[in-house]
Amino acid sequence: MGQYVKGDVLLASVALDDRTPPKIRPVVVIHIEEPGWVSVCPVSSKPPSDAPSLPLSLSDFATGGLDLFYESYVMTSRMLTLQSGDVIGKKGRLTKESLVEITGKIPAVVQPGPAPVKKPGRSRKGR
């Protein structure tokens, strides 16, 4: 689809855990991986009972927004990596303050690391 930045709120088909099938839901871009890949936290309409989350409301958006009648919840304990091509659409972008609050609540064990460095392959030509 396109280039995304931290704080973008996208729509993608994701599963919240291993027990539920994927469904189209909002996700918040937390980290840009190598080109074409993004790390995201899913958003749910219900707060999880067994994992940390943060409320998300229309006031958290700098541009755009979600079709919210009630608060939604960013699942800060769940991070997924998606290809940009798997994104269905873009709903908006969060304020810097909201993004800082969300990233500050992501446990260190879930935080994305630096993108892996690809080492150039050795060519066998000319041997």
Protein backbone atom coordinates (compact mmCIF):
# COMPACT_ATOMS: atom_id res chain seq x y z
CA MET A 1 0.00 0.00 0.00
CA GLY A 2 2.46 2.65 1.03
CA GLN A 3 4.98 4.03 3.46
CA TYR A 4 3.87 4.26 7.07
CA VAL A 5 5.32 6.01 10.11
CA LYS A 6 5.21 5.46 13.85
CA GLY A 7 1.85 6.47 15.22
CA ASP A 8 -0.17 5.62 12.10
CA VAL A 9 -3.38 3.73 12.81
CA LEU A 10 -3.98 1.16 10.10
CA LEU A 11 -6.51 -1.55 9.34
CA ALA A 12 -5.20 -5.09 8.91
CA SER A 13 -6.36 -8.66 9.36
CA VAL A 14 -4.77 -9.87 12.62
CA ALA A 15 -5.44 -12.39 15.37
CA LEU A 16 -5.28 -11.21 18.98
CA ASP A 17 -3.98 -14.59 20.16
CA ASP A 18 -3.47 -18.17 19.03
CA ARG A 19 -7.05 -19.14 19.96
CA THR A 20 -8.93 -16.66 17.80
CA PRO A 21 -9.08 -16.38 14.03
CA PRO A 22 -7.79 -13.21 12.37
CA LYS A 23 -10.19 -10.37 11.76
CA ILE A 24 -9.89 -6.89 10.35
CA ARG A 25 -9.06 -4.49 13.17
CA PRO A 26 -7.11 -1.31 13.80
CA VAL A 27 -3.42 -1.55 14.63
CA VAL A 28 -1.00 1.14 15.82
CA VAL A 29 2.40 1.34 14.10
CA ILE A 30 5.05 1.17 16.83
CA HIS A 31 8.22 0.52 14.85
CA ILE A 32 9.32 0.55 11.22
CA GLU A 33 11.25 -2.59 10.35
CA GLU A 34 13.21 -3.04 7.17
CA PRO A 35 11.45 -1.54 4.13
CA GLY A 36 7.97 -2.95 3.70
CA TRP A 37 7.58 -4.24 7.29
CA VAL A 38 6.01 -2.60 10.36
CA SER A 39 5.65 -3.66 14.00
CA VAL A 40 2.19 -2.93 15.35
CA CYS A 41 0.06 -3.29 18.46
CA PRO A 42 -3.53 -4.39 17.80
CA VAL A 43 -6.55 -2.41 19.00
CA SER A 44 -9.59 -4.09 20.54
CA SER A 45 -13.05 -2.80 21.39
CA LYS A 46 -12.87 -4.60 24.75
CA PRO A 47 -10.06 -4.38 27.30
CA PRO A 48 -8.31 -7.73 27.74
CA SER A 49 -8.75 -9.25 31.18
CA ASP A 50 -5.37 -10.97 31.20
CA ALA A 51 -3.00 -8.44 29.61
CA PRO A 52 -2.11 -4.74 29.86
CA SER A 53 -3.78 -2.26 27.53
CA LEU A 54 -4.33 1.47 27.16
CA PRO A 55 -7.59 3.24 26.30
CA LEU A 56 -7.73 4.93 22.90
CA SER A 57 -10.23 7.69 22.13
CA LEU A 58 -10.80 10.22 19.35
CA SER A 59 -8.83 12.84 21.30
CA ASP A 60 -5.71 10.65 20.87
CA PHE A 61 -5.72 11.31 17.10
CA ALA A 62 -3.82 14.16 15.45
CA THR A 63 -5.52 13.31 12.12
CA GLY A 64 -8.31 10.94 11.16
CA GLY A 65 -9.77 8.59 13.73
CA LEU A 66 -11.77 5.45 14.29
CA ASP A 67 -15.52 5.04 14.12
CA LEU A 68 -15.75 5.01 17.92
CA PHE A 69 -18.84 5.14 20.05
CA TYR A 70 -16.86 3.97 23.07
CA GLU A 71 -13.18 3.75 23.93
CA SER A 72 -11.03 1.14 22.25
CA TYR A 73 -7.93 -0.40 23.79
CA VAL A 74 -4.37 -0.67 22.47
CA MET A 75 -3.01 -4.06 23.46
CA THR A 76 0.46 -3.01 24.58
CA SER A 77 1.46 -6.57 25.52
CA ARG A 78 0.98 -7.88 21.98
CA MET A 79 3.23 -6.82 19.11
CA LEU A 80 2.94 -8.18 15.59
CA THR A 81 5.03 -7.66 12.47
CA LEU A 82 3.15 -7.07 9.23
CA GLN A 83 4.12 -6.53 5.63
CA SER A 84 2.96 -3.16 4.34
CA GLY A 85 1.12 -5.02 1.58
CA ASP A 86 -1.11 -6.68 4.22
CA VAL A 87 -2.49 -3.31 5.28
CA ILE A 88 -6.07 -2.73 4.16
CA GLY A 89 -6.25 0.99 4.88
CA LYS A 90 -5.15 3.89 7.02
CA LYS A 91 -7.47 5.43 9.61
CA GLY A 92 -5.30 8.25 10.90
CA ARG A 93 -2.31 9.19 13.00
CA LEU A 94 -2.00 9.49 16.77
CA THR A 95 -0.70 12.55 18.57
CA LYS A 96 2.94 12.43 19.63
CA GLU A 97 1.84 12.42 23.27
CA SER A 98 -0.43 9.40 22.75
CA LEU A 99 2.30 7.50 20.91
CA VAL A 100 4.82 8.21 23.70
CA GLU A 101 2.32 6.96 26.29
CA ILE A 102 1.65 3.77 24.31
CA THR A 103 5.30 2.97 23.63
CA GLY A 104 6.12 3.64 27.29
CA LYS A 105 3.68 0.91 28.33
CA ILE A 106 5.07 -1.78 26.03
CA PRO A 107 7.05 -4.28 28.15
CA ALA A 108 10.76 -4.54 27.33
CA VAL A 109 10.33 -8.20 26.33
CA VAL A 110 7.82 -7.13 23.66
CA GLN A 111 9.75 -4.07 22.39
CA PRO A 112 11.04 -4.46 18.84
CA GLY A 113 14.75 -4.65 18.37
CA PRO A 114 16.69 -3.20 15.48
CA ALA A 115 15.89 -4.67 12.10
CA PRO A 116 18.21 -7.52 11.19
CA VAL A 117 21.14 -6.51 9.01
CA LYS A 118 21.25 -8.41 5.76
CA LYS A 119 24.75 -9.40 4.79
CA PRO A 120 25.49 -9.51 1.10
CA GLY A 121 25.83 -13.02 -0.29
CA ARG A 122 29.09 -14.13 -1.78
CA SER A 123 29.02 -14.72 -5.46
CA ARG A 124 30.54 -17.88 -6.88
CA LYS A 125 31.10 -16.28 -10.27
CA GLY A 126 34.66 -15.91 -11.40
CA ARG A 127 36.02 -18.78 -9.31
